[in-house]
N, C-alpha and C. Protein backbone atom coordinates (compact mmCIF):
# COMPACT_ATOMS: atom_id res chain seq x y z
N MET A 1 16.20 27.97 36.99
CA MET A 1 15.49 28.12 35.74
C MET A 1 14.23 28.93 36.01
N ASN A 2 14.01 29.96 35.24
CA ASN A 2 12.84 30.80 35.50
C ASN A 2 11.58 30.20 34.85
N THR A 3 10.46 30.79 35.14
CA THR A 3 9.16 30.25 34.72
C THR A 3 9.00 30.25 33.20
N SER A 4 9.44 31.28 32.55
CA SER A 4 9.28 31.33 31.08
C SER A 4 10.15 30.28 30.39
N ALA A 5 11.32 30.01 30.92
CA ALA A 5 12.19 28.99 30.35
C ALA A 5 11.58 27.61 30.53
N ARG A 6 10.98 27.36 31.70
CA ARG A 6 10.31 26.08 31.94
C ARG A 6 9.12 25.90 31.02
N LEU A 7 8.36 26.97 30.85
CA LEU A 7 7.19 26.92 29.97
C LEU A 7 7.63 26.66 28.52
N LEU A 8 8.68 27.30 28.08
CA LEU A 8 9.20 27.09 26.74
C LEU A 8 9.71 25.66 26.56
N LEU A 9 10.41 25.14 27.56
CA LEU A 9 10.91 23.77 27.50
C LEU A 9 9.76 22.77 27.45
N ALA A 10 8.73 22.99 28.26
CA ALA A 10 7.58 22.10 28.27
C ALA A 10 6.84 22.14 26.94
N THR A 11 6.71 23.33 26.37
CA THR A 11 6.03 23.48 25.08
C THR A 11 6.81 22.80 23.96
N LEU A 12 8.10 23.00 23.93
CA LEU A 12 8.93 22.36 22.90
C LEU A 12 8.92 20.84 23.05
N THR A 13 8.93 20.36 24.27
CA THR A 13 8.87 18.91 24.50
C THR A 13 7.54 18.35 24.02
N ALA A 14 6.45 19.04 24.33
CA ALA A 14 5.12 18.59 23.89
C ALA A 14 5.02 18.59 22.36
N ILE A 15 5.56 19.59 21.72
CA ILE A 15 5.53 19.66 20.25
C ILE A 15 6.37 18.52 19.65
N ALA A 16 7.54 18.28 20.21
CA ALA A 16 8.40 17.21 19.71
C ALA A 16 7.72 15.86 19.85
N ILE A 17 7.09 15.62 20.99
CA ILE A 17 6.39 14.35 21.20
C ILE A 17 5.23 14.20 20.22
N SER A 18 4.46 15.26 20.01
CA SER A 18 3.32 15.15 19.09
C SER A 18 3.78 14.96 17.65
N VAL A 19 4.87 15.57 17.25
CA VAL A 19 5.39 15.39 15.89
C VAL A 19 5.89 13.96 15.70
N LEU A 20 6.63 13.47 16.67
CA LEU A 20 7.15 12.10 16.57
C LEU A 20 6.03 11.07 16.60
N THR A 21 5.01 11.30 17.38
CA THR A 21 3.87 10.39 17.42
C THR A 21 3.13 10.41 16.09
N GLY A 22 2.96 11.57 15.51
CA GLY A 22 2.29 11.69 14.22
C GLY A 22 3.07 11.01 13.11
N CYS A 23 4.38 11.12 13.15
CA CYS A 23 5.20 10.48 12.12
C CYS A 23 5.17 8.96 12.24
N ALA A 24 5.09 8.47 13.44
CA ALA A 24 5.10 7.03 13.66
C ALA A 24 3.75 6.39 13.41
N ALA A 25 2.69 7.16 13.34
CA ALA A 25 1.34 6.60 13.27
C ALA A 25 0.91 6.21 11.86
N ASN A 26 1.42 6.82 10.82
CA ASN A 26 0.88 6.62 9.48
C ASN A 26 1.85 5.96 8.52
N HIS A 27 2.41 4.83 8.90
CA HIS A 27 3.31 4.13 8.01
C HIS A 27 2.52 3.34 6.98
N PRO A 28 2.81 3.52 5.69
CA PRO A 28 2.09 2.74 4.69
C PRO A 28 2.41 1.26 4.77
N GLU A 29 3.53 0.90 5.39
CA GLU A 29 3.89 -0.51 5.50
C GLU A 29 2.95 -1.27 6.42
N LEU A 30 2.21 -0.55 7.27
CA LEU A 30 1.34 -1.20 8.23
C LEU A 30 0.00 -1.60 7.62
N ARG A 31 -0.30 -1.14 6.44
CA ARG A 31 -1.56 -1.53 5.80
C ARG A 31 -1.27 -2.55 4.72
N GLY A 32 -2.28 -3.29 4.35
CA GLY A 32 -2.13 -4.27 3.29
C GLY A 32 -2.09 -3.60 1.93
N TYR A 33 -1.52 -4.28 0.97
CA TYR A 33 -1.48 -3.75 -0.39
C TYR A 33 -2.81 -4.02 -1.08
N THR A 34 -3.22 -3.09 -1.93
CA THR A 34 -4.42 -3.31 -2.73
C THR A 34 -4.08 -4.27 -3.87
N VAL A 35 -5.10 -4.76 -4.55
CA VAL A 35 -4.89 -5.67 -5.67
C VAL A 35 -4.08 -4.97 -6.76
N GLU A 36 -4.41 -3.72 -7.02
CA GLU A 36 -3.70 -2.97 -8.06
C GLU A 36 -2.23 -2.75 -7.69
N GLU A 37 -1.95 -2.45 -6.42
CA GLU A 37 -0.57 -2.27 -5.97
C GLU A 37 0.22 -3.58 -6.07
N THR A 38 -0.42 -4.68 -5.72
CA THR A 38 0.23 -5.98 -5.82
C THR A 38 0.58 -6.31 -7.26
N ARG A 39 -0.37 -6.06 -8.17
CA ARG A 39 -0.13 -6.31 -9.59
C ARG A 39 1.02 -5.44 -10.10
N GLN A 40 1.03 -4.17 -9.70
CA GLN A 40 2.09 -3.26 -10.13
C GLN A 40 3.45 -3.72 -9.61
N LEU A 41 3.51 -4.16 -8.37
CA LEU A 41 4.77 -4.66 -7.81
C LEU A 41 5.24 -5.90 -8.56
N GLN A 42 4.33 -6.78 -8.92
CA GLN A 42 4.70 -7.98 -9.68
C GLN A 42 5.25 -7.61 -11.05
N LEU A 43 4.59 -6.67 -11.71
CA LEU A 43 5.08 -6.24 -13.04
C LEU A 43 6.45 -5.60 -12.93
N GLU A 44 6.67 -4.78 -11.91
CA GLU A 44 7.98 -4.16 -11.73
C GLU A 44 9.05 -5.21 -11.42
N ALA A 45 8.67 -6.25 -10.68
CA ALA A 45 9.64 -7.30 -10.35
C ALA A 45 10.09 -8.05 -11.59
N ILE A 46 9.16 -8.37 -12.50
CA ILE A 46 9.58 -9.11 -13.70
C ILE A 46 10.36 -8.21 -14.66
N GLN A 47 10.14 -6.90 -14.59
CA GLN A 47 10.93 -5.99 -15.44
C GLN A 47 12.39 -5.96 -15.01
N ARG A 48 12.63 -6.14 -13.71
CA ARG A 48 14.01 -6.10 -13.20
C ARG A 48 14.77 -7.39 -13.42
N GLN A 49 14.08 -8.45 -13.77
CA GLN A 49 14.74 -9.73 -13.99
C GLN A 49 15.30 -9.78 -15.41
N SER A 50 16.30 -10.57 -15.60
CA SER A 50 16.91 -10.73 -16.93
C SER A 50 16.18 -11.83 -17.68
N LEU A 51 15.02 -11.51 -18.18
CA LEU A 51 14.21 -12.50 -18.89
C LEU A 51 14.27 -12.24 -20.39
N SER A 52 14.07 -13.30 -21.14
CA SER A 52 13.94 -13.12 -22.58
C SER A 52 12.58 -12.45 -22.83
N LEU A 53 12.42 -11.91 -24.00
CA LEU A 53 11.17 -11.22 -24.32
C LEU A 53 9.98 -12.18 -24.23
N ASP A 54 10.16 -13.40 -24.71
CA ASP A 54 9.08 -14.39 -24.66
C ASP A 54 8.69 -14.72 -23.22
N GLU A 55 9.70 -14.95 -22.38
CA GLU A 55 9.44 -15.27 -20.97
C GLU A 55 8.79 -14.09 -20.26
N TYR A 56 9.26 -12.87 -20.55
CA TYR A 56 8.67 -11.67 -19.96
C TYR A 56 7.20 -11.54 -20.34
N GLU A 57 6.91 -11.68 -21.62
CA GLU A 57 5.52 -11.56 -22.09
C GLU A 57 4.63 -12.64 -21.47
N LEU A 58 5.16 -13.85 -21.34
CA LEU A 58 4.40 -14.94 -20.74
C LEU A 58 4.05 -14.61 -19.28
N ARG A 59 5.04 -14.18 -18.51
CA ARG A 59 4.79 -13.86 -17.10
C ARG A 59 3.86 -12.65 -16.96
N LYS A 60 4.01 -11.69 -17.85
CA LYS A 60 3.14 -10.51 -17.82
C LYS A 60 1.69 -10.91 -18.08
N ARG A 61 1.47 -11.79 -19.05
CA ARG A 61 0.11 -12.26 -19.35
C ARG A 61 -0.49 -13.01 -18.16
N VAL A 62 0.34 -13.81 -17.48
CA VAL A 62 -0.14 -14.54 -16.31
C VAL A 62 -0.58 -13.57 -15.22
N ILE A 63 0.20 -12.54 -14.97
CA ILE A 63 -0.14 -11.55 -13.95
C ILE A 63 -1.41 -10.80 -14.34
N GLU A 64 -1.51 -10.39 -15.59
CA GLU A 64 -2.69 -9.65 -16.03
C GLU A 64 -3.94 -10.53 -16.03
N ARG A 65 -3.79 -11.80 -16.39
CA ARG A 65 -4.91 -12.72 -16.37
C ARG A 65 -5.41 -12.93 -14.94
N ALA A 66 -4.48 -13.07 -14.00
CA ALA A 66 -4.86 -13.24 -12.59
C ALA A 66 -5.58 -11.99 -12.08
N ALA A 67 -5.13 -10.81 -12.51
CA ALA A 67 -5.78 -9.58 -12.08
C ALA A 67 -7.18 -9.47 -12.66
N SER A 68 -7.36 -9.88 -13.92
CA SER A 68 -8.69 -9.79 -14.52
C SER A 68 -9.64 -10.79 -13.86
N ARG A 69 -9.15 -11.96 -13.45
CA ARG A 69 -10.00 -12.92 -12.73
C ARG A 69 -10.44 -12.33 -11.39
N GLN A 70 -9.55 -11.61 -10.74
CA GLN A 70 -9.88 -10.99 -9.45
C GLN A 70 -10.98 -9.96 -9.64
N VAL A 71 -10.92 -9.16 -10.70
CA VAL A 71 -11.93 -8.15 -10.96
C VAL A 71 -13.27 -8.80 -11.24
N VAL A 72 -13.27 -9.87 -12.04
CA VAL A 72 -14.52 -10.57 -12.35
C VAL A 72 -15.11 -11.17 -11.08
N THR A 73 -14.29 -11.77 -10.25
CA THR A 73 -14.77 -12.36 -9.00
C THR A 73 -15.38 -11.30 -8.10
N GLU A 74 -14.73 -10.14 -7.99
CA GLU A 74 -15.27 -9.07 -7.16
C GLU A 74 -16.59 -8.55 -7.73
N ALA A 75 -16.72 -8.48 -9.05
CA ALA A 75 -17.95 -8.00 -9.67
C ALA A 75 -19.09 -8.97 -9.42
N VAL A 76 -18.81 -10.26 -9.51
CA VAL A 76 -19.83 -11.28 -9.29
C VAL A 76 -20.28 -11.26 -7.83
N GLU A 77 -19.35 -11.12 -6.92
CA GLU A 77 -19.69 -11.08 -5.49
C GLU A 77 -20.48 -9.83 -5.13
N ALA A 78 -20.29 -8.75 -5.86
CA ALA A 78 -20.99 -7.52 -5.56
C ALA A 78 -22.43 -7.53 -6.03
N GLN A 79 -22.77 -8.38 -7.00
CA GLN A 79 -24.13 -8.43 -7.52
C GLN A 79 -25.03 -9.18 -6.53
N PRO A 80 -26.24 -8.64 -6.31
CA PRO A 80 -27.16 -9.34 -5.41
C PRO A 80 -27.65 -10.64 -6.05
N ALA A 81 -27.91 -11.61 -5.22
CA ALA A 81 -28.42 -12.89 -5.71
C ALA A 81 -29.84 -12.72 -6.21
N ILE A 82 -30.16 -13.40 -7.29
CA ILE A 82 -31.51 -13.31 -7.86
C ILE A 82 -32.37 -14.40 -7.21
N LYS A 83 -33.43 -13.94 -6.59
CA LYS A 83 -34.35 -14.88 -5.96
C LYS A 83 -35.63 -14.92 -6.78
N GLY A 84 -36.12 -16.09 -7.01
CA GLY A 84 -37.27 -16.15 -7.88
C GLY A 84 -38.23 -17.11 -7.44
């Protein structure tokens, strides 16, 4: 094998390794879901179920109510405590 063929093989191997490493590094499954993503997944899950309209609306309200409580809790925690 001549020098240029070895150099080409080494370069292609290095590129393949770097591409495969880059692809393996950024999986969205490795991070946690945000509150909004969790709510969206819950809404999509109840849409796929065979629920009556009343049952669907009830579950949807429960999910939305839980999400609004989360937003209120985060807003309260973000406010500085009043010292007097």
